[in-house]
C-alpha atoms as a PDB file:
ATOM      1  CA  MET A   1       0.000   0.000   0.000  1.00  0.00           C
ATOM      2  CA  THR A   2       1.423   3.377  -1.066  1.00  0.00           C
ATOM      3  CA  THR A   3       0.850   6.439   1.108  1.00  0.00           C
ATOM      4  CA  PHE A   4       0.646   9.700  -0.834  1.00  0.00           C
ATOM      5  CA  TYR A   5      -0.229  12.076   2.026  1.00  0.00           C
ATOM      6  CA  ASP A   6      -0.191  11.756   5.806  1.00  0.00           C
ATOM      7  CA  HIS A   7      -0.602  14.989   7.752  1.00  0.00           C
ATOM      8  CA  GLY A   8      -2.871  16.337  10.482  1.00  0.00           C
ATOM      9  CA  GLY A   9      -5.117  13.266  10.795  1.00  0.00           C
ATOM     10  CA  ILE A  10      -5.549  12.953   7.026  1.00  0.00           C
ATOM     11  CA  ARG A  11      -4.139  10.015   5.121  1.00  0.00           C
ATOM     12  CA  ILE A  12      -4.314   9.291   1.400  1.00  0.00           C
ATOM     13  CA  THR A  13      -3.222   5.893   0.167  1.00  0.00           C
ATOM     14  CA  ASP A  14      -3.573   4.201  -3.189  1.00  0.00           C
ATOM     15  CA  ARG A  15      -6.936   2.812  -2.020  1.00  0.00           C
ATOM     16  CA  TRP A  16      -8.308   4.951   0.812  1.00  0.00           C
ATOM     17  CA  LEU A  17      -8.843   8.563   1.832  1.00  0.00           C
ATOM     18  CA  SER A  18      -9.100   8.835   5.635  1.00  0.00           C
ATOM     19  CA  ILE A  19     -10.100  12.093   7.301  1.00  0.00           C
ATOM     20  CA  GLY A  20     -10.872  12.292  11.012  1.00  0.00           C
ATOM     21  CA  GLY A  21     -11.873   8.662  11.428  1.00  0.00           C
ATOM     22  CA  ARG A  22     -14.017   8.590   8.271  1.00  0.00           C
ATOM     23  CA  ARG A  23     -12.764   6.948   5.125  1.00  0.00           C
ATOM     24  CA  CYS A  24     -13.803   6.349   1.553  1.00  0.00           C
ATOM     25  CA  ARG A  25     -12.373   4.454  -1.387  1.00  0.00           C
ATOM     26  CA  VAL A  26     -10.305   6.669  -3.658  1.00  0.00           C
ATOM     27  CA  GLY A  27     -11.550   4.690  -6.656  1.00  0.00           C
ATOM     28  CA  HIS A  28     -15.153   5.752  -5.899  1.00  0.00           C
ATOM     29  CA  LEU A  29     -14.390   9.479  -6.010  1.00  0.00           C
ATOM     30  CA  ARG A  30     -15.499  11.076  -9.262  1.00  0.00           C
ATOM     31  CA  ASN A  31     -15.321  14.594 -10.684  1.00  0.00           C
ATOM     32  CA  LEU A  32     -12.624  15.987  -8.367  1.00  0.00           C
ATOM     33  CA  ARG A  33     -12.715  19.792  -8.474  1.00  0.00           C
ATOM     34  CA  THR A  34     -11.567  22.831  -6.558  1.00  0.00           C
ATOM     35  CA  ALA A  35     -13.576  25.824  -5.362  1.00  0.00           C
ATOM     36  CA  ARG A  36     -13.251  28.782  -3.033  1.00  0.00           C
ATOM     37  CA  GLY A  37     -15.367  29.115   0.084  1.00  0.00           C
ATOM     38  CA  HIS A  38     -17.495  32.030   1.160  1.00  0.00           C
ATOM     39  CA  GLY A  39     -15.956  35.112   2.669  1.00  0.00           C
ATOM     40  CA  ASP A  40     -15.495  35.504   6.390  1.00  0.00           C
ATOM     41  CA  ARG A  41     -18.763  35.781   8.362  1.00  0.00           C
ATOM     42  CA  ALA A  42     -17.493  38.684  10.473  1.00  0.00           C
ATOM     43  CA  THR A  43     -16.573  40.559   7.276  1.00  0.00           C
ATOM     44  CA  ARG A  44     -20.076  40.141   5.900  1.00  0.00           C
ATOM     45  CA  ARG A  45     -21.615  41.249   9.208  1.00  0.00           C
ATOM     46  CA  ALA A  46     -19.412  44.344   9.420  1.00  0.00           C
ATOM     47  CA  ALA A  47     -20.289  45.303   5.844  1.00  0.00           C
ATOM     48  CA  GLY A  48     -23.988  44.773   6.563  1.00  0.00           C
ATOM     49  CA  THR A  49     -23.720  46.866   9.709  1.00  0.00           C
ATOM     50  CA  ALA A  50     -22.111  49.685   7.719  1.00  0.00           C
ATOM     51  CA  VAL A  51     -24.914  49.648   5.136  1.00  0.00           C
ATOM     52  CA  VAL A  52     -27.717  49.586   7.706  1.00  0.00           C
ATOM     53  CA  SER A  53     -25.972  52.298   9.744  1.00  0.00           C
ATOM     54  CA  LEU A  54     -25.688  54.471   6.658  1.00  0.00           C
ATOM     55  CA  LEU A  55     -29.449  54.256   6.197  1.00  0.00           C
ATOM     56  CA  VAL A  56     -30.090  55.050   9.877  1.00  0.00           C
ATOM     57  CA  VAL A  57     -27.665  57.993   9.927  1.00  0.00           C
ATOM     58  CA  GLY A  58     -29.139  59.304   6.671  1.00  0.00           C
ATOM     59  CA  ALA A  59     -32.683  59.158   8.061  1.00  0.00           C
ATOM     60  CA  ALA A  60     -31.677  60.714  11.401  1.00  0.00           C
ATOM     61  CA  ALA A  61     -29.536  63.486   9.846  1.00  0.00           C
ATOM     62  CA  ARG A  62     -32.596  65.710   9.336  1.00  0.00           C
ATOM     63  CA  HIS A  63     -33.566  65.557  13.001  1.00  0.00           C
ATOM     64  CA  VAL A  64     -30.195  66.074  14.737  1.00  0.00           C
ATOM     65  CA  PRO A  65     -27.548  68.807  14.554  1.00  0.00           C
ATOM     66  CA  ALA A  66     -24.877  68.464  11.856  1.00  0.00           C
ATOM     67  CA  PRO A  67     -21.922  67.729  14.200  1.00  0.00           C
ATOM     68  CA  VAL A  68     -23.862  64.872  15.806  1.00  0.00           C
ATOM     69  CA  SER A  69     -24.795  63.352  12.455  1.00  0.00           C
ATOM     70  CA  VAL A  70     -21.159  63.576  11.254  1.00  0.00           C
ATOM     71  CA  LEU A  71     -19.948  61.896  14.462  1.00  0.00           C
ATOM     72  CA  GLY A  72     -22.673  59.260  14.080  1.00  0.00           C
ATOM     73  CA  ALA A  73     -21.644  58.654  10.470  1.00  0.00           C
ATOM     74  CA  VAL A  74     -18.010  58.184  11.485  1.00  0.00           C
ATOM     75  CA  VAL A  75     -18.774  55.845  14.368  1.00  0.00           C
ATOM     76  CA  LEU A  76     -21.660  53.887  12.840  1.00  0.00           C
ATOM     77  CA  VAL A  77     -20.662  53.780   9.167  1.00  0.00           C
ATOM     78  CA  VAL A  78     -16.947  54.376   8.647  1.00  0.00           C
ATOM     79  CA  LEU A  79     -15.649  52.128  11.447  1.00  0.00           C
ATOM     80  CA  PRO A  80     -17.644  49.023  10.401  1.00  0.00           C
ATOM     81  CA  ALA A  81     -16.697  49.687   6.762  1.00  0.00           C
ATOM     82  CA  LEU A  82     -12.996  49.839   7.712  1.00  0.00           C
ATOM     83  CA  VAL A  83     -13.302  46.628   9.729  1.00  0.00           C
ATOM     84  CA  ALA A  84     -15.010  44.908   6.779  1.00  0.00           C
ATOM     85  CA  ALA A  85     -12.323  46.113   4.345  1.00  0.00           C
ATOM     86  CA  ALA A  86      -9.470  45.034   6.622  1.00  0.00           C
ATOM     87  CA  ARG A  87     -10.928  41.585   7.282  1.00  0.00           C
ATOM     88  CA  ALA A  88     -11.704  41.056   3.600  1.00  0.00           C
ATOM     89  CA  ARG A  89      -8.064  41.727   2.818  1.00  0.00           C
ATOM     90  CA  LEU A  90      -6.584  39.680   5.677  1.00  0.00           C
ATOM     91  CA  VAL A  91      -8.945  36.697   5.915  1.00  0.00           C
ATOM     92  CA  ARG A  92      -9.097  34.946   2.559  1.00  0.00           C
ATOM     93  CA  PRO A  93     -11.830  32.443   1.640  1.00  0.00           C
ATOM     94  CA  ALA A  94     -10.951  28.787   2.161  1.00  0.00           C
ATOM     95  CA  TYR A  95      -9.736  26.527  -0.623  1.00  0.00           C
ATOM     96  CA  LEU A  96     -12.153  23.622  -1.099  1.00  0.00           C
ATOM     97  CA  LEU A  97     -11.740  20.236  -2.756  1.00  0.00           C
ATOM     98  CA  LEU A  98     -15.053  18.707  -3.839  1.00  0.00           C
ATOM     99  CA  ALA A  99     -15.888  15.344  -5.395  1.00  0.00           C
ATOM    100  CA  ASP A 100     -18.852  13.173  -6.278  1.00  0.00           C
ATOM    101  CA  TYR A 101     -18.986  10.143  -3.985  1.00  0.00           C
ATOM    102  CA  ARG A 102     -21.734   7.567  -4.436  1.00  0.00           C
ATOM    103  CA  GLY A 103     -23.887  10.062  -6.315  1.00  0.00           C
ATOM    104  CA  THR A 104     -23.534  12.921  -3.816  1.00  0.00           C
ATOM    105  CA  THR A 105     -21.272  15.953  -3.987  1.00  0.00           C
ATOM    106  CA  VAL A 106     -19.084  16.022  -0.876  1.00  0.00           C
ATOM    107  CA  ARG A 107     -16.500  18.448   0.465  1.00  0.00           C
ATOM    108  CA  LEU A 108     -13.354  16.411   0.973  1.00  0.00           C
ATOM    109  CA  TYR A 109     -11.037  19.098   2.284  1.00  0.00           C
ATOM    110  CA  ALA A 110     -11.076  22.785   3.193  1.00  0.00           C
ATOM    111  CA  THR A 111      -8.223  25.023   4.339  1.00  0.00           C
ATOM    112  CA  ARG A 112      -6.980  28.588   4.035  1.00  0.00           C
ATOM    113  CA  ASP A 113      -3.389  27.324   3.619  1.00  0.00           C
ATOM    114  CA  GLU A 114      -2.720  27.325  -0.126  1.00  0.00           C
ATOM    115  CA  THR A 115       0.474  25.242   0.164  1.00  0.00           C
ATOM    116  CA  GLU A 116      -1.151  22.467   2.197  1.00  0.00           C
ATOM    117  CA  PHE A 117      -4.159  22.489  -0.123  1.00  0.00           C
ATOM    118  CA  GLY A 118      -1.847  21.979  -3.091  1.00  0.00           C
ATOM    119  CA  LYS A 119      -0.105  19.043  -1.404  1.00  0.00           C
ATOM    120  CA  PHE A 120      -3.431  17.418  -0.530  1.00  0.00           C
ATOM    121  CA  SER A 121      -5.020  17.882  -3.965  1.00  0.00           C
ATOM    122  CA  ARG A 122      -1.931  16.620  -5.835  1.00  0.00           C
ATOM    123  CA  ALA A 123      -1.705  13.577  -3.556  1.00  0.00           C
ATOM    124  CA  LEU A 124      -5.374  12.770  -4.118  1.00  0.00           C
ATOM    125  CA  ALA A 125      -4.967  13.178  -7.886  1.00  0.00           C
ATOM    126  CA  ARG A 126      -2.018  10.745  -7.875  1.00  0.00           C
ATOM    127  CA  ALA A 127      -3.963   8.293  -5.696  1.00  0.00           C
ATOM    128  CA  SER A 128      -6.927   8.505  -8.097  1.00  0.00           C
ATOM    129  CA  VAL A 129      -4.690   7.609 -11.036  1.00  0.00           C
ATOM    130  CA  GLU A 130      -3.222   4.683  -9.076  1.00  0.00           C
ATOM    131  CA  ALA A 131      -6.697   3.459  -8.144  1.00  0.00           C
ATOM    132  CA  GLU A 132      -7.858   3.704 -11.762  1.00  0.00           C
ATOM    133  CA  LEU A 133      -4.865   1.706 -12.994  1.00  0.00           C
ATOM    134  CA  ALA A 134      -5.365  -0.887 -10.247  1.00  0.00           C
ATOM    135  CA  ASP A 135      -9.025  -1.232 -11.261  1.00  0.00           C
ATOM    136  CA  GLN A 136      -8.018  -1.727 -14.894  1.00  0.00           C
ATOM    137  CA  VAL A 137      -5.473  -4.406 -13.974  1.00  0.00           C
ATOM    138  CA  ALA A 138      -8.046  -6.120 -11.751  1.00  0.00           C
ATOM    139  CA  GLN A 139     -10.502  -6.064 -14.649  1.00  0.00           C
ATOM    140  CA  LEU A 140      -7.884  -7.677 -16.864  1.00  0.00           C
ATOM    141  CA  ASP A 141      -7.354 -10.388 -14.253  1.00  0.00           C
ATOM    142  CA  ARG A 142     -11.115 -11.024 -14.020  1.00  0.00           C
ATOM    143  CA  GLU A 143     -11.608 -11.119 -17.771  1.00  0.00           C
ATOM    144  CA  PRO A 144      -8.715 -13.048 -19.278  1.00  0.00           C
ATOM    145  CA  GLY A 145      -8.235 -13.286 -23.001  1.00  0.00           C
ATOM    146  CA  GLU A 146      -9.437 -10.936 -25.690  1.00  0.00           C
ATOM    147  CA  VAL A 147     -12.196  -9.303 -23.612  1.00  0.00           C
ATOM    148  CA  GLY A 148      -9.788  -8.150 -20.886  1.00  0.00           C
ATOM    149  CA  ARG A 149      -7.160  -6.961 -23.366  1.00  0.00           C
ATOM    150  CA  ARG A 150      -9.828  -4.990 -25.244  1.00  0.00           C
ATOM    151  CA  ALA A 151     -10.900  -3.308 -21.975  1.00  0.00           C
ATOM    152  CA  LEU A 152      -7.353  -2.027 -21.526  1.00  0.00           C
ATOM    153  CA  GLY A 153      -6.871  -1.094 -25.157  1.00  0.00           C
ATOM    154  CA  LEU A 154      -4.544  -4.007 -25.800  1.00  0.00           C
ATOM    155  CA  ALA A 155      -6.709  -5.837 -28.345  1.00  0.00           C
ATOM    156  CA  GLY A 156      -4.623  -7.729 -30.847  1.00  0.00           C
ATOM    157  CA  ALA A 157      -1.641  -8.004 -28.499  1.00  0.00           C
ATOM    158  CA  ASP A 158       0.054 -11.348 -27.953  1.00  0.00           C
ATOM    159  CA  PRO A 159      -1.579 -12.790 -24.792  1.00  0.00           C
ATOM    160  CA  GLY A 160       1.689 -14.472 -23.738  1.00  0.00           C
ATOM    161  CA  ARG A 161       3.665 -11.245 -23.880  1.00  0.00           C
ATOM    162  CA  ARG A 162       3.710  -8.916 -20.872  1.00  0.00           C
ATOM    163  CA  ARG A 163       2.876  -5.293 -21.555  1.00  0.00           C
ATOM    164  CA  VAL A 164       3.951  -2.290 -19.538  1.00  0.00           C
ATOM    165  CA  LEU A 165       1.201   0.265 -19.074  1.00  0.00           C
ATOM    166  CA  HIS A 166       2.333   3.881 -19.233  1.00  0.00           C
ATOM    167  CA  HIS A 167       0.093   6.564 -17.850  1.00  0.00           C
ATOM    168  CA  GLY A 168       1.241  10.046 -18.922  1.00  0.00           C
ATOM    169  CA  LEU A 169       2.215  11.447 -15.499  1.00  0.00           C
END
């Protein structure tokens, strides 16, 4: 058994993906894809607070003296807007790895660390290729003769001669 990734309670082998005590067969994962998560919740709340505060300060500006409305605008609108802008710049959305597993789209991995995400996704891609090749070899073993060779694209090859499969990686 070949291990492609083993870090932080996550292990990817040529057959299994294990995360936090749960595991699934790598060969059953289909349509691996990456995505980015939603922005930070506190950022969205601060931006929403700034917008609502702008409406409140605008409506109250007619009824209060100008210095009070300017102070209210600074405290209630500008500060939350600055917090939202700072957090949006500092807290990036998570990197997500998604796949179809037994007919359902599942999130396999999520992190804000781009380097670790790259290691994980490359390891899973290599494990998927290994699993696919192992499945093809197993199919050849189950279906000897012309049927098995045709399944691997080896139709017409001499059955007594061993072939080396190359997979363009």
